[in-house]
Amino acid sequence: ERLLSAVVSCFKRHGAAAIDTPVLELRETLVGKYGEGAKLIYELKDQGGELLALRYDLTVPFARYLAMNKITKMKRYHVAKVYRRDNPATTRGRYREFYQCDFDIAGQFDPMIPDAECLKIVHEILSDLQLGDFVIKVNDRRILNGVFAVCGVPESQFIPACCTVDKLDKMPWEEVRSEMVGEKGLSPEAADRIGEYVQLHGGLDLIEQLLQDPKLSQNKVAKEGLGDMKLLFEYLTLFGITGKISFDLSLARGLDYYTGVIFEAVLLQQDNEHLEEPLSVGSVAGGGRYDGLVGMFDAKGRKVPCVGVSIGIERIFSILEQRLEASGEKLRTTETQVLVATPQKHLLAARMKLISELWDAGIKAEMLYKKDPKLLKQLQYCEDTGIPLAAIVGEQELADGVVKLRDVGTRKEVRM
């Protein structure tokens, strides 16, 4: 709850309206948009001529929604569940049903201004949640396509090559290279040339270097992408966040619908004094520009440029949970402020009267569902669930018309 409200308040701060889209989409709406992720789409059995599927993300349904309602300009956020037929790895925060928190800007605007805001939002959220050190990797599909082109990859191989390059954060270049050559059918020379580019990362200096690159600067698409990347870095400098941004040529994001800037936020390991390169804990946010998606759902093919970001709230949650466990702290699942307790028997009525008054006054309160619980049991419940206060009414308190308030952590008591 706390995580979600922090994310939503950031989205609202940036002027986004909340929308919702159906959990069910036509199968054809989803197929062909997710690269190798397509095999994870949850398809439903045909029930009377309609092939349906559960939504795989919140982006494709949003694009369909814009096209259906002929909307050409919108800033929205959407927090909802999505579904993937994945092998769950709950320890790593990977589930088959999980929440996504998306923010998108749709509409024709001047280049890179909305894109810069999306990166600022990721930076704000990850800073607010105090998750430790992070880096936001940025690249552009046009730069990647330019790299593939100048390295001699045929255009039909761009998307498969993209999906393979995207694995560079999980496996070493040697393995990525052998998949390119062995499975994706690229020539060893092309793979080696790609390797020279995709292992580069840096900032404005790298953008300048690539703009001077004899091969890449001759490629129209790459040149356009690099020009926009330079502009993006100027805006990110104005927002004061370039310290956490890395222009990274290995970032590919396996989804087919990206057309321009792509980015991914990665948490870095806490304890890396002895390591040169900080270890990544995994991606906790990602997004990019998808200018062609809305047009796919419009009968007349009218395009609406869009850029957006998705926050992986479940991944963040499982990381926080692991950290708390490691530090021996408990993760509070409720917001209860006080437990109403009694030290002797036959005082259920007193507890019920007091708790009712507390609820009516807007105080978050609980009591045990037992007629005569032992005081130790009640205090133990506070310890287990992290309830900070116990309001104790015994025979003495009732006679004196007071309540004894006990601070569960320090064991101090005051009569009120």
Protein backbone atom coordinates (compact mmCIF):
# COMPACT_ATOMS: atom_id res chain seq x y z
CA GLU A 1 0.00 0.00 0.00
CA ARG A 2 2.71 2.47 0.99
CA LEU A 3 4.70 1.67 -2.16
CA LEU A 4 1.65 2.01 -4.39
CA SER A 5 0.59 5.33 -2.88
CA ALA A 6 4.11 6.74 -3.30
CA VAL A 7 4.07 5.74 -6.98
CA VAL A 8 0.54 7.04 -7.61
CA SER A 9 1.22 10.36 -5.89
CA CYS A 10 4.22 10.85 -8.19
CA PHE A 11 2.07 10.13 -11.26
CA LYS A 12 -0.56 12.60 -10.01
CA ARG A 13 2.12 15.21 -9.29
CA HIS A 14 2.98 15.07 -12.99
CA GLY A 15 -0.61 15.71 -14.02
CA ALA A 16 -1.78 12.25 -15.12
CA ALA A 17 -5.41 11.12 -15.12
CA ALA A 18 -6.33 7.59 -14.01
CA ILE A 19 -7.90 5.22 -16.55
CA ASP A 20 -8.80 1.54 -16.61
CA THR A 21 -8.93 -0.97 -19.47
CA PRO A 22 -10.45 -4.48 -19.62
CA VAL A 23 -8.50 -7.47 -18.32
CA LEU A 24 -9.65 -9.40 -21.41
CA GLU A 25 -8.47 -8.39 -24.87
CA LEU A 26 -9.02 -10.02 -28.25
CA ARG A 27 -6.15 -12.42 -28.87
CA GLU A 28 -5.24 -10.67 -32.13
CA THR A 29 -4.81 -7.38 -30.23
CA LEU A 30 -1.93 -8.84 -28.24
CA VAL A 31 -0.24 -11.23 -30.65
CA GLY A 32 2.81 -9.94 -32.52
CA LYS A 33 3.61 -7.09 -30.11
CA TYR A 34 5.86 -8.74 -27.54
CA GLY A 35 8.77 -10.38 -29.37
CA GLU A 36 9.81 -13.57 -27.59
CA GLY A 37 7.34 -12.76 -24.81
CA ALA A 38 4.50 -13.84 -27.12
CA LYS A 39 4.72 -17.40 -25.80
CA LEU A 40 3.84 -16.08 -22.33
CA ILE A 41 0.46 -14.65 -23.37
CA TYR A 42 -2.38 -16.30 -21.39
CA GLU A 43 -4.81 -17.43 -24.07
CA LEU A 44 -8.35 -18.51 -23.20
CA LYS A 45 -10.27 -21.35 -24.84
CA ASP A 46 -12.64 -20.32 -27.63
CA GLN A 47 -16.13 -19.76 -26.20
CA GLY A 48 -18.35 -19.03 -29.17
CA GLY A 49 -16.15 -17.69 -31.90
CA GLU A 50 -14.08 -15.11 -30.00
CA LEU A 51 -10.45 -15.81 -29.26
CA LEU A 52 -9.57 -13.91 -26.10
CA ALA A 53 -6.47 -13.49 -23.95
CA LEU A 54 -5.59 -11.89 -20.62
CA ARG A 55 -3.68 -8.63 -20.95
CA TYR A 56 0.11 -9.12 -20.91
CA ASP A 57 0.90 -5.49 -20.10
CA LEU A 58 -0.94 -2.15 -19.83
CA THR A 59 0.59 -0.53 -22.91
CA VAL A 60 -1.06 -2.42 -25.77
CA PRO A 61 -4.56 -2.09 -24.20
CA PHE A 62 -3.87 1.65 -23.75
CA ALA A 63 -2.97 2.01 -27.43
CA ARG A 64 -6.15 0.17 -28.43
CA TYR A 65 -8.18 2.42 -26.09
CA LEU A 66 -6.72 5.58 -27.67
CA ALA A 67 -7.47 4.33 -31.18
CA MET A 68 -11.02 3.17 -30.37
CA ASN A 69 -11.92 6.47 -28.71
CA LYS A 70 -10.05 8.57 -31.30
CA ILE A 71 -8.00 10.28 -28.58
CA THR A 72 -4.93 12.11 -29.88
CA LYS A 73 -3.62 13.61 -26.65
CA MET A 74 -3.59 12.20 -23.12
CA LYS A 75 -1.44 11.86 -20.02
CA ARG A 76 -2.59 8.89 -18.01
CA TYR A 77 -1.60 6.47 -15.30
CA HIS A 78 -2.92 2.98 -14.73
CA VAL A 79 -2.27 0.62 -11.81
CA ALA A 80 -3.62 -2.87 -12.48
CA LYS A 81 -2.83 -6.55 -12.75
CA VAL A 82 -1.33 -8.18 -15.83
CA TYR A 83 -0.91 -11.86 -16.65
CA ARG A 84 1.98 -13.93 -18.03
CA ARG A 85 2.24 -17.71 -18.42
CA ASP A 86 5.74 -17.62 -17.01
CA ASN A 87 7.50 -20.07 -14.75
CA PRO A 88 7.07 -18.12 -11.53
CA ALA A 89 10.20 -17.34 -9.53
CA THR A 90 8.61 -15.77 -6.48
CA THR A 91 11.96 -15.23 -4.79
CA ARG A 92 12.93 -12.88 -7.61
CA GLY A 93 9.54 -11.16 -7.64
CA ARG A 94 8.35 -12.90 -10.82
CA TYR A 95 4.71 -14.00 -10.78
CA ARG A 96 2.03 -15.06 -13.26
CA GLU A 97 -0.36 -12.39 -11.99
CA PHE A 98 1.22 -9.14 -10.89
CA TYR A 99 0.66 -5.42 -10.67
CA GLN A 100 2.06 -2.93 -13.13
CA CYS A 101 2.06 0.81 -12.54
CA ASP A 102 2.19 2.69 -15.81
CA PHE A 103 2.50 6.35 -16.77
CA ASP A 104 2.18 7.39 -20.43
CA ILE A 105 2.16 10.59 -22.44
CA ALA A 106 0.30 10.35 -25.77
CA GLY A 107 0.33 13.13 -28.35
CA GLN A 108 2.39 15.04 -30.89
CA PHE A 109 4.93 17.18 -29.00
CA ASP A 110 8.41 18.55 -29.54
CA PRO A 111 11.09 15.85 -29.42
CA MET A 112 12.36 14.39 -26.14
CA ILE A 113 10.45 16.68 -23.73
CA PRO A 114 7.91 14.02 -22.66
CA ASP A 115 10.66 11.35 -22.81
CA ALA A 116 12.77 13.35 -20.35
CA GLU A 117 9.78 13.65 -17.99
CA CYS A 118 9.30 9.86 -17.99
CA LEU A 119 12.94 9.42 -16.91
CA LYS A 120 12.50 12.10 -14.24
CA ILE A 121 9.49 10.16 -12.89
CA VAL A 122 11.54 6.95 -12.60
CA HIS A 123 14.26 8.91 -10.81
CA GLU A 124 11.75 10.49 -8.40
CA ILE A 125 10.06 7.19 -7.54
CA LEU A 126 13.27 5.23 -6.97
CA SER A 127 14.67 8.09 -4.85
CA ASP A 128 11.42 8.40 -2.84
CA LEU A 129 11.28 4.68 -2.07
CA GLN A 130 14.88 4.77 -0.79
CA LEU A 131 15.84 1.52 -2.46
CA GLY A 132 19.54 2.32 -2.46
CA ASP A 133 21.75 2.96 -5.45
CA PHE A 134 20.29 2.59 -8.94
CA VAL A 135 21.13 3.34 -12.53
CA ILE A 136 18.75 4.15 -15.40
CA LYS A 137 20.08 2.72 -18.66
CA VAL A 138 18.98 4.57 -21.78
CA ASN A 139 19.26 3.65 -25.46
CA ASP A 140 17.28 4.20 -28.66
CA ARG A 141 15.85 1.60 -31.02
CA ARG A 142 17.00 3.76 -33.97
CA ILE A 143 20.60 3.69 -32.74
CA LEU A 144 20.41 -0.10 -32.34
CA ASN A 145 18.89 -0.56 -35.78
CA GLY A 146 21.64 1.66 -37.18
CA VAL A 147 24.27 -0.47 -35.45
CA PHE A 148 22.71 -3.65 -36.90
CA ALA A 149 22.57 -2.08 -40.37
CA VAL A 150 26.21 -0.92 -40.43
CA CYS A 151 27.31 -4.31 -39.07
CA GLY A 152 25.68 -6.05 -42.02
CA VAL A 153 22.55 -7.52 -40.38
CA PRO A 154 19.60 -7.86 -42.81
CA GLU A 155 16.52 -5.88 -41.73
CA SER A 156 14.44 -9.05 -41.27
CA GLN A 157 16.90 -10.01 -38.50
CA PHE A 158 16.70 -6.73 -36.53
CA ILE A 159 14.05 -7.88 -34.05
CA PRO A 160 15.57 -11.34 -33.37
CA ALA A 161 18.99 -9.67 -32.98
CA CYS A 162 17.41 -7.16 -30.58
CA CYS A 163 15.95 -9.95 -28.42
CA THR A 164 19.40 -11.56 -28.20
CA VAL A 165 21.29 -8.34 -27.39
CA ASP A 166 18.70 -7.77 -24.65
CA LYS A 167 20.15 -10.79 -22.80
CA LEU A 168 23.54 -9.10 -22.31
CA ASP A 169 22.64 -8.11 -18.75
CA LYS A 170 22.03 -11.79 -17.88
CA MET A 171 24.82 -13.55 -19.79
CA PRO A 172 28.33 -12.75 -21.04
CA TRP A 173 29.03 -11.51 -24.57
CA GLU A 174 30.47 -14.92 -25.64
CA GLU A 175 27.10 -16.61 -25.01
CA VAL A 176 25.14 -13.79 -26.67
CA ARG A 177 27.47 -14.03 -29.68
CA SER A 178 27.02 -17.78 -30.02
CA GLU A 179 23.21 -17.40 -29.85
CA MET A 180 23.37 -14.76 -32.59
CA VAL A 181 25.42 -16.99 -34.86
CA GLY A 182 24.01 -20.39 -33.87
CA GLU A 183 20.30 -19.68 -33.37
CA LYS A 184 19.66 -16.37 -35.13
CA GLY A 185 21.79 -17.16 -38.18
CA LEU A 186 24.00 -14.03 -38.19
CA SER A 187 27.45 -14.26 -39.71
CA PRO A 188 30.34 -14.43 -37.18
CA GLU A 189 31.77 -11.18 -38.71
CA ALA A 190 28.48 -9.32 -38.18
CA ALA A 191 28.28 -10.61 -34.59
CA ASP A 192 31.83 -9.43 -33.85
CA ARG A 193 31.12 -5.99 -35.30
CA ILE A 194 27.93 -5.73 -33.18
CA GLY A 195 30.02 -6.71 -30.13
CA GLU A 196 32.28 -3.70 -30.61
CA TYR A 197 29.28 -1.38 -30.26
CA VAL A 198 26.95 -3.06 -27.75
CA GLN A 199 29.60 -3.25 -25.03
CA LEU A 200 29.89 0.55 -24.93
CA HIS A 201 28.25 2.68 -22.25
CA GLY A 202 28.72 6.26 -21.06
CA GLY A 203 27.14 9.69 -21.27
CA LEU A 204 27.28 12.75 -23.52
CA ASP A 205 30.91 11.94 -24.37
CA LEU A 206 29.87 8.61 -25.89
CA ILE A 207 27.06 10.25 -27.88
CA GLU A 208 29.60 12.73 -29.32
CA GLN A 209 32.02 9.89 -30.08
CA LEU A 210 29.35 7.93 -31.97
CA LEU A 211 28.22 11.03 -33.89
CA GLN A 212 31.83 11.15 -35.20
CA ASP A 213 31.92 7.38 -35.89
CA PRO A 214 32.71 7.01 -39.63
CA LYS A 215 30.23 4.15 -40.17
CA LEU A 216 27.42 5.03 -37.76
CA SER A 217 27.27 8.73 -38.68
CA GLN A 218 26.55 7.70 -42.29
CA ASN A 219 23.40 5.84 -41.20
CA LYS A 220 20.37 8.15 -41.35
CA VAL A 221 18.33 6.31 -38.67
CA ALA A 222 21.22 6.06 -36.19
CA LYS A 223 22.14 9.71 -36.73
CA GLU A 224 18.58 10.77 -35.95
CA GLY A 225 18.59 8.61 -32.80
CA LEU A 226 21.94 10.00 -31.64
CA GLY A 227 20.78 13.58 -32.24
CA ASP A 228 17.70 12.97 -30.10
CA MET A 229 19.79 11.20 -27.44
CA LYS A 230 22.00 14.29 -27.22
CA LEU A 231 18.89 16.46 -26.79
CA LEU A 232 17.57 14.08 -24.12
CA PHE A 233 20.83 14.39 -22.15
CA GLU A 234 20.57 18.19 -22.31
CA TYR A 235 17.08 18.02 -20.78
CA LEU A 236 18.14 15.45 -18.16
CA THR A 237 20.98 17.81 -17.19
CA LEU A 238 18.39 20.56 -16.66
CA PHE A 239 16.39 18.15 -14.47
CA GLY A 240 19.62 17.45 -12.56
CA ILE A 241 19.50 13.66 -12.85
CA THR A 242 22.31 12.70 -15.28
CA GLY A 243 24.34 11.28 -12.38
CA LYS A 244 22.09 8.21 -12.41
CA ILE A 245 21.70 7.89 -16.20
CA SER A 246 23.86 5.67 -18.41
CA PHE A 247 23.66 5.67 -22.21
CA ASP A 248 24.04 1.93 -22.74
CA LEU A 249 24.21 0.38 -26.21
CA SER A 250 23.45 -3.13 -24.91
CA LEU A 251 19.98 -2.10 -23.76
CA ALA A 252 17.51 -3.51 -26.28
CA ARG A 253 14.23 -4.31 -24.46
CA GLY A 254 12.73 -7.32 -26.20
CA LEU A 255 9.33 -5.81 -27.05
CA ASP A 256 8.55 -5.27 -30.72
CA TYR A 257 6.57 -2.05 -30.36
CA TYR A 258 9.36 0.34 -29.30
CA THR A 259 10.36 2.84 -31.99
CA GLY A 260 12.66 5.36 -30.26
CA VAL A 261 14.08 5.93 -26.80
CA ILE A 262 14.08 2.88 -24.50
CA PHE A 263 15.12 2.79 -20.86
CA GLU A 264 15.38 0.47 -17.89
CA ALA A 265 16.09 1.18 -14.23
CA VAL A 266 18.28 -1.28 -12.38
CA LEU A 267 18.95 -1.48 -8.64
CA LEU A 268 22.59 -1.98 -7.67
CA GLN A 269 23.84 -4.29 -4.92
CA GLN A 270 24.40 -2.58 -1.58
CA ASP A 271 27.66 -4.18 -0.48
CA ASN A 272 30.10 -3.92 -3.35
CA GLU A 273 33.22 -2.38 -1.79
CA HIS A 274 35.39 -5.14 -3.28
CA LEU A 275 33.83 -5.04 -6.76
CA GLU A 276 34.78 -2.67 -9.58
CA GLU A 277 31.42 -2.99 -11.38
CA PRO A 278 28.39 -2.71 -9.08
CA LEU A 279 26.20 -5.83 -9.30
CA SER A 280 22.66 -5.42 -10.55
CA VAL A 281 19.72 -6.74 -8.53
CA GLY A 282 17.43 -6.67 -11.54
CA SER A 283 15.22 -4.32 -13.49
CA VAL A 284 12.59 -2.45 -11.43
CA ALA A 285 11.22 -0.10 -14.10
CA GLY A 286 11.30 0.19 -17.84
CA GLY A 287 9.73 1.88 -20.80
CA GLY A 288 10.22 3.74 -24.01
CA ARG A 289 8.69 5.38 -27.04
CA TYR A 290 6.16 3.50 -29.17
CA ASP A 291 4.99 5.77 -31.98
CA GLY A 292 3.47 3.10 -34.22
CA LEU A 293 1.29 1.14 -31.80
CA VAL A 294 -1.90 3.26 -31.79
CA GLY A 295 -1.92 3.31 -35.61
CA MET A 296 -2.13 -0.51 -35.64
CA PHE A 297 -5.58 -0.34 -34.02
CA ASP A 298 -6.92 2.58 -36.05
CA ALA A 299 -8.97 1.68 -39.13
CA LYS A 300 -7.39 4.57 -41.03
CA GLY A 301 -3.93 3.94 -39.55
CA ARG A 302 -3.85 7.34 -37.82
CA LYS A 303 -0.78 7.48 -35.60
CA VAL A 304 -0.53 8.89 -32.10
CA PRO A 305 3.06 9.15 -30.79
CA CYS A 306 3.42 7.80 -27.24
CA VAL A 307 6.08 7.41 -24.60
CA GLY A 308 5.64 5.68 -21.25
CA VAL A 309 7.12 3.97 -18.26
CA SER A 310 6.16 0.95 -16.18
CA ILE A 311 7.18 0.54 -12.54
CA GLY A 312 7.69 -3.10 -11.42
CA ILE A 313 6.06 -2.70 -8.04
CA GLU A 314 6.08 -6.43 -7.15
CA ARG A 315 9.79 -6.69 -7.90
CA ILE A 316 10.46 -3.67 -5.68
CA PHE A 317 8.25 -5.17 -2.97
CA SER A 318 10.10 -8.50 -2.94
CA ILE A 319 13.46 -6.69 -2.80
CA LEU A 320 12.32 -4.63 0.20
CA GLU A 321 10.94 -7.77 1.84
CA GLN A 322 14.27 -9.59 1.45
CA ARG A 323 16.15 -6.61 2.87
CA LEU A 324 13.89 -6.40 5.90
CA GLU A 325 14.24 -10.14 6.49
CA ALA A 326 18.01 -9.87 6.28
CA SER A 327 18.00 -7.05 8.85
CA GLY A 328 15.63 -8.98 11.12
CA GLU A 329 12.86 -6.39 10.88
CA LYS A 330 9.25 -7.30 10.20
CA LEU A 331 7.29 -6.01 7.25
CA ARG A 332 4.02 -4.53 8.55
CA THR A 333 1.03 -5.64 6.52
CA THR A 334 -1.54 -3.61 8.47
CA GLU A 335 -1.74 -0.05 9.74
CA THR A 336 -3.31 -0.84 13.11
CA GLN A 337 -2.34 1.82 15.65
CA VAL A 338 -3.68 0.26 18.84
CA LEU A 339 -4.84 -3.09 20.22
CA VAL A 340 -7.63 -2.91 22.81
CA ALA A 341 -6.70 -5.39 25.54
CA THR A 342 -8.01 -6.60 28.89
CA PRO A 343 -6.00 -8.16 31.76
CA GLN A 344 -8.83 -10.08 33.50
CA LYS A 345 -11.77 -12.27 32.55
CA HIS A 346 -15.36 -11.13 31.83
CA LEU A 347 -14.36 -7.80 30.24
CA LEU A 348 -15.34 -8.40 26.60
CA ALA A 349 -18.06 -5.72 26.89
CA ALA A 350 -15.51 -3.11 28.00
CA ARG A 351 -13.26 -3.97 25.05
CA MET A 352 -16.13 -3.79 22.57
CA LYS A 353 -17.33 -0.40 23.87
CA LEU A 354 -13.84 1.11 23.79
CA ILE A 355 -12.91 -0.25 20.36
CA SER A 356 -16.17 1.04 18.91
CA GLU A 357 -15.39 4.55 20.22
CA LEU A 358 -11.90 4.34 18.69
CA TRP A 359 -13.22 3.21 15.28
CA ASP A 360 -15.80 5.99 15.27
CA ALA A 361 -13.04 8.50 16.01
CA GLY A 362 -11.15 7.23 12.94
CA ILE A 363 -8.46 5.38 14.90
CA LYS A 364 -7.18 2.10 13.43
CA ALA A 365 -7.80 -0.46 16.16
CA GLU A 366 -8.03 -4.23 16.65
CA MET A 367 -8.90 -6.68 19.40
CA LEU A 368 -8.55 -10.44 19.70
CA TYR A 369 -11.66 -12.47 18.80
CA LYS A 370 -11.71 -14.35 22.10
CA LYS A 371 -13.92 -13.76 25.11
CA ASP A 372 -11.19 -14.01 27.75
CA PRO A 373 -7.73 -13.80 26.19
CA LYS A 374 -4.62 -13.81 28.40
CA LEU A 375 -2.85 -10.44 28.57
CA LEU A 376 0.43 -12.03 27.48
CA LYS A 377 -1.26 -13.42 24.34
CA GLN A 378 -2.62 -9.96 23.48
CA LEU A 379 0.75 -8.26 23.95
CA GLN A 380 2.44 -11.03 21.93
CA TYR A 381 -0.01 -10.30 19.07
CA CYS A 382 1.15 -6.66 19.13
CA GLU A 383 4.79 -7.78 18.90
CA ASP A 384 4.10 -10.20 16.04
CA THR A 385 2.18 -7.72 13.90
CA GLY A 386 4.05 -4.56 14.86
CA ILE A 387 1.12 -2.79 16.57
CA PRO A 388 2.83 0.02 18.53
CA LEU A 389 0.26 0.61 21.33
CA ALA A 390 -2.01 -1.41 23.58
CA ALA A 391 -5.01 0.26 25.29
CA ILE A 392 -5.62 -1.79 28.45
CA VAL A 393 -8.92 -1.63 30.39
CA GLY A 394 -9.00 -3.74 33.55
CA GLU A 395 -11.32 -3.67 36.59
CA GLN A 396 -9.18 -0.98 38.23
CA GLU A 397 -9.20 1.23 35.10
CA LEU A 398 -12.98 0.85 34.73
CA ALA A 399 -13.47 1.87 38.39
CA ASP A 400 -11.22 4.92 37.95
CA GLY A 401 -12.68 5.82 34.54
CA VAL A 402 -9.27 5.69 32.81
CA VAL A 403 -7.45 3.68 30.15
CA LYS A 404 -3.90 2.42 30.53
CA LEU A 405 -1.86 3.04 27.37
CA ARG A 406 1.17 0.79 26.93
CA ASP A 407 3.99 1.43 24.46
CA VAL A 408 4.65 -2.12 23.23
CA GLY A 409 8.29 -1.46 22.24
CA THR A 410 9.52 0.33 25.41
CA ARG A 411 6.95 -1.25 27.80
CA LYS A 412 6.24 2.20 29.32
CA GLU A 413 2.68 2.76 30.55
CA VAL A 414 0.60 5.90 31.10
CA ARG A 415 -2.92 6.23 32.54
CA MET A 416 -5.25 8.48 30.57
